[in-house]
Amino acid sequence: MKNLYLFENNHKIKFKNKKLIKAAFTHKSANRENNNEKLEFLGDRVLGLVLSRKLYELYPNESEGVLDKKFATLVKKKTCCEIGWSLNLQNYIITGDAKKKITLNDEKILSDCCEAVIGAIYLDRGFDYVSNFILKAWKKKIDKSNVTLLDAKTKLQEYSLKHFKKLPFYNMIGAKGPRHNPTYKISVSIIGSKKFYGYGNSKQEAEQDGANNLLKGHNIS
């Protein structure tokens, strides 16, 4: 059993309900019934509310579209994974394989655990407490949100619509690897182009990778 007291101590969080913190760190491969899936579901919504409110306050004159892009960058799995890693969640995650060492490549495991911890803190300590926790953990990411960069899929979509009046063509080819951490492969093309391929731990990530490869392949900036 991992010493979750160290997590509480390092982050100065004292859980009233120890079952919540244990569940937050329990991956479904370790326990099919009592794991962090429901807490991840809750934490995802809490995280979204806190960050969307923060963006609303920070950028009162921005359009909904711009706010949505900033928001998507802050809550995507890669960002949650990076935040989870910075919080050292990897040291406490309980998986079915006791010898498994969680790395940054375990993006889904880390990001899900990060959201589950948020859900657990919300249930145990309330909204104000978890809001402070989130804003502190995401501070550097929020500070960078003043720069809006179009993601690869959006760039490709705008280019394809402008030149061909057609959306890019995405096709799911398949997935490999364990169910808890699959690698998806997709193909993407636009009118007159060959197929480019993308890979990722989620379908969205694979599509972003594929779109980015196509943009590079056609020198589209």
Protein backbone atom coordinates (compact mmCIF):
# COMPACT_ATOMS: atom_id res chain seq x y z
CA MET A 1 0.00 0.00 0.00
CA LYS A 2 1.45 3.34 -1.03
CA ASN A 3 1.94 5.89 1.74
CA LEU A 4 -0.74 8.42 0.86
CA TYR A 5 0.08 10.29 4.07
CA LEU A 6 3.16 11.62 2.23
CA PHE A 7 0.92 13.08 -0.46
CA GLU A 8 -1.24 14.79 2.16
CA ASN A 9 1.80 16.06 4.00
CA ASN A 10 3.61 17.32 0.90
CA HIS A 11 0.56 19.24 -0.30
CA LYS A 12 -0.70 20.23 3.15
CA ILE A 13 -4.05 18.52 2.61
CA LYS A 14 -5.59 16.59 5.48
CA PHE A 15 -8.38 14.36 4.22
CA LYS A 16 -11.26 13.78 6.59
CA ASN A 17 -12.39 10.77 4.57
CA LYS A 18 -9.33 8.61 3.85
CA LYS A 19 -11.37 6.36 1.55
CA LEU A 20 -11.67 9.23 -0.91
CA ILE A 21 -7.95 9.80 -1.29
CA LYS A 22 -7.32 6.07 -1.58
CA ALA A 23 -9.96 5.75 -4.29
CA ALA A 24 -8.51 8.75 -6.17
CA PHE A 25 -5.20 6.93 -6.56
CA THR A 26 -6.62 3.50 -7.37
CA HIS A 27 -6.51 2.64 -11.06
CA LYS A 28 -9.18 0.27 -12.39
CA SER A 29 -6.51 -2.33 -13.16
CA ALA A 30 -6.02 -2.65 -9.39
CA ASN A 31 -9.70 -2.75 -8.45
CA ARG A 32 -12.51 -3.13 -10.98
CA GLU A 33 -15.18 -2.04 -8.49
CA ASN A 34 -13.61 0.59 -6.26
CA ASN A 35 -11.36 2.81 -8.38
CA ASN A 36 -10.97 6.42 -9.43
CA GLU A 37 -13.28 6.47 -12.47
CA LYS A 38 -16.24 8.18 -10.77
CA LEU A 39 -13.99 10.68 -9.00
CA GLU A 40 -12.30 11.41 -12.34
CA PHE A 41 -15.73 12.07 -13.86
CA LEU A 42 -16.55 14.51 -11.06
CA GLY A 43 -13.12 16.13 -10.99
CA ASP A 44 -13.27 16.80 -14.72
CA ARG A 45 -16.43 18.88 -14.22
CA VAL A 46 -15.07 20.71 -11.17
CA LEU A 47 -11.85 21.52 -13.02
CA GLY A 48 -13.84 22.82 -15.98
CA LEU A 49 -15.97 25.09 -13.81
CA VAL A 50 -13.01 26.56 -11.92
CA LEU A 51 -10.93 27.23 -15.03
CA SER A 52 -13.78 28.54 -17.17
CA ARG A 53 -14.72 30.99 -14.41
CA LYS A 54 -11.08 32.07 -14.10
CA LEU A 55 -10.80 32.67 -17.86
CA TYR A 56 -14.09 34.59 -17.81
CA GLU A 57 -12.67 36.86 -15.12
CA LEU A 58 -9.25 37.28 -16.76
CA TYR A 59 -10.48 38.00 -20.29
CA PRO A 60 -13.80 39.88 -20.08
CA ASN A 61 -13.41 41.30 -23.59
CA GLU A 62 -12.51 38.09 -25.41
CA SER A 63 -15.00 36.27 -27.64
CA GLU A 64 -16.49 32.91 -26.69
CA GLY A 65 -14.43 31.26 -29.42
CA VAL A 66 -11.13 32.57 -28.05
CA LEU A 67 -12.06 31.61 -24.49
CA ASP A 68 -12.98 28.13 -25.69
CA LYS A 69 -9.54 27.63 -27.26
CA LYS A 70 -7.79 28.84 -24.11
CA PHE A 71 -9.99 26.54 -22.03
CA ALA A 72 -9.34 23.51 -24.26
CA THR A 73 -5.60 23.97 -23.83
CA LEU A 74 -5.90 24.12 -20.04
CA VAL A 75 -8.07 21.02 -19.60
CA LYS A 76 -6.72 18.66 -22.28
CA LYS A 77 -5.26 15.35 -21.16
CA LYS A 78 -1.69 16.37 -21.91
CA THR A 79 -1.99 19.39 -19.61
CA CYS A 80 -3.63 17.37 -16.83
CA CYS A 81 -0.87 14.78 -17.21
CA GLU A 82 1.83 17.45 -16.87
CA ILE A 83 0.11 18.94 -13.83
CA GLY A 84 -0.25 15.49 -12.28
CA TRP A 85 3.44 14.84 -12.85
CA SER A 86 4.39 18.18 -11.27
CA LEU A 87 2.32 17.18 -8.22
CA ASN A 88 4.20 13.85 -8.10
CA LEU A 89 0.98 11.84 -8.38
CA GLN A 90 2.96 9.12 -10.16
CA ASN A 91 4.50 8.14 -6.83
CA TYR A 92 1.15 7.18 -5.32
CA ILE A 93 -0.92 5.62 -8.12
CA ILE A 94 -2.03 2.07 -7.34
CA THR A 95 -2.19 -0.22 -10.39
CA GLY A 96 -2.76 -3.92 -10.88
CA ASP A 97 0.96 -4.34 -11.52
CA ALA A 98 2.72 -3.42 -8.28
CA LYS A 99 6.05 -3.23 -10.12
CA LYS A 100 4.81 -0.80 -12.76
CA LYS A 101 6.50 2.57 -12.68
CA ILE A 102 4.28 5.39 -13.92
CA THR A 103 6.01 7.65 -16.46
CA LEU A 104 5.01 10.69 -18.49
CA ASN A 105 4.09 8.28 -21.30
CA ASP A 106 1.19 7.05 -19.14
CA GLU A 107 -0.75 10.16 -20.09
CA LYS A 108 -4.26 8.79 -19.54
CA ILE A 109 -3.42 7.21 -16.18
CA LEU A 110 -1.82 10.42 -14.90
CA SER A 111 -4.44 12.80 -16.26
CA ASP A 112 -7.33 10.67 -14.96
CA CYS A 113 -5.70 10.46 -11.53
CA CYS A 114 -5.18 14.23 -11.49
CA GLU A 115 -8.88 14.81 -12.13
CA ALA A 116 -9.82 12.12 -9.59
CA VAL A 117 -7.73 13.85 -6.91
CA ILE A 118 -9.57 17.09 -7.71
CA GLY A 119 -12.89 15.27 -7.34
CA ALA A 120 -11.80 13.80 -4.01
CA ILE A 121 -10.64 17.17 -2.66
CA TYR A 122 -13.92 18.75 -3.74
CA LEU A 123 -16.00 16.14 -1.90
CA ASP A 124 -13.81 16.22 1.19
CA ARG A 125 -13.02 19.93 1.55
CA GLY A 126 -15.51 21.84 -0.58
CA PHE A 127 -15.49 24.09 -3.62
CA ASP A 128 -13.44 27.03 -2.28
CA TYR A 129 -10.67 24.71 -1.10
CA VAL A 130 -10.44 22.74 -4.35
CA SER A 131 -10.64 25.96 -6.35
CA ASN A 132 -7.55 27.29 -4.57
CA PHE A 133 -5.80 23.96 -5.14
CA ILE A 134 -6.55 24.04 -8.88
CA LEU A 135 -5.59 27.68 -9.41
CA LYS A 136 -2.29 27.12 -7.60
CA ALA A 137 -1.48 23.94 -9.56
CA TRP A 138 -2.47 25.51 -12.91
CA LYS A 139 -0.95 28.96 -12.25
CA LYS A 140 1.86 28.72 -14.84
CA LYS A 141 -0.51 27.34 -17.47
CA ILE A 142 -3.06 30.07 -16.75
CA ASP A 143 -0.35 32.75 -16.96
CA LYS A 144 0.52 31.48 -20.45
CA SER A 145 -3.12 31.54 -21.55
CA ASN A 146 -2.80 35.18 -22.65
CA VAL A 147 -1.28 33.80 -25.85
CA THR A 148 -3.82 32.06 -28.06
CA LEU A 149 -2.31 29.53 -30.44
CA LEU A 150 -4.46 27.72 -32.96
CA ASP A 151 -4.11 23.97 -32.59
CA ALA A 152 -3.16 21.85 -35.61
CA LYS A 153 -6.71 20.55 -36.28
CA THR A 154 -8.14 24.08 -36.28
CA LYS A 155 -5.38 25.34 -38.59
CA LEU A 156 -5.93 22.47 -41.00
CA GLN A 157 -9.69 22.91 -40.93
CA GLU A 158 -9.45 26.61 -41.70
CA TYR A 159 -6.97 25.97 -44.53
CA SER A 160 -9.09 23.20 -46.08
CA LEU A 161 -12.30 25.22 -45.90
CA LYS A 162 -10.64 28.30 -47.36
CA HIS A 163 -9.05 26.51 -50.32
CA PHE A 164 -11.40 23.59 -51.01
CA LYS A 165 -14.66 24.36 -49.17
CA LYS A 166 -14.30 20.89 -47.62
CA LEU A 167 -13.37 19.64 -44.16
CA PRO A 168 -10.27 17.45 -43.73
CA PHE A 169 -10.87 13.70 -43.90
CA TYR A 170 -10.03 11.78 -40.70
CA ASN A 171 -10.14 7.99 -40.52
CA MET A 172 -9.60 5.80 -37.47
CA ILE A 173 -7.27 2.94 -38.40
CA GLY A 174 -7.03 1.16 -35.06
CA ALA A 175 -5.55 1.00 -31.58
CA LYS A 176 -2.74 -1.05 -30.06
CA GLY A 177 -1.49 -1.65 -26.55
CA PRO A 178 -3.20 -2.34 -23.22
CA ARG A 179 -6.82 -1.24 -22.75
CA HIS A 180 -5.88 1.18 -19.97
CA ASN A 181 -3.23 2.91 -22.10
CA PRO A 182 -3.90 2.37 -25.83
CA THR A 183 -2.12 4.03 -28.75
CA TYR A 184 -4.50 5.13 -31.50
CA LYS A 185 -3.57 5.47 -35.18
CA ILE A 186 -5.51 7.69 -37.59
CA SER A 187 -5.08 8.93 -41.15
CA VAL A 188 -5.87 12.44 -42.34
CA SER A 189 -5.96 14.03 -45.77
CA ILE A 190 -7.33 17.04 -47.62
CA ILE A 191 -8.27 17.52 -51.27
CA GLY A 192 -5.25 16.68 -53.44
CA SER A 193 -3.05 15.39 -50.62
CA LYS A 194 -1.81 11.95 -49.72
CA LYS A 195 -2.74 10.41 -46.37
CA PHE A 196 -0.74 11.46 -43.34
CA TYR A 197 -0.77 9.46 -40.12
CA GLY A 198 -1.06 10.42 -36.49
CA TYR A 199 -0.59 8.59 -33.21
CA GLY A 200 -1.69 9.30 -29.65
CA ASN A 201 -3.08 7.96 -26.39
CA SER A 202 -6.51 9.33 -27.35
CA LYS A 203 -8.34 9.73 -30.65
CA GLN A 204 -8.18 13.51 -30.33
CA GLU A 205 -4.43 13.43 -29.69
CA ALA A 206 -3.90 11.15 -32.71
CA GLU A 207 -5.93 13.53 -34.89
CA GLN A 208 -3.89 16.50 -33.67
CA ASP A 209 -0.68 14.62 -34.45
CA GLY A 210 -1.93 13.67 -37.92
CA ALA A 211 -3.08 17.21 -38.68
CA ASN A 212 0.28 18.56 -37.56
CA ASN A 213 2.13 16.08 -39.80
CA LEU A 214 0.00 17.11 -42.79
CA LEU A 215 0.59 20.80 -42.13
CA LYS A 216 4.34 20.19 -41.97
CA GLY A 217 4.25 17.96 -45.05
CA HIS A 218 2.63 20.76 -47.09
CA ASN A 219 4.56 23.60 -45.39
CA ILE A 220 1.32 25.17 -44.19
CA SER A 221 1.96 27.68 -41.41
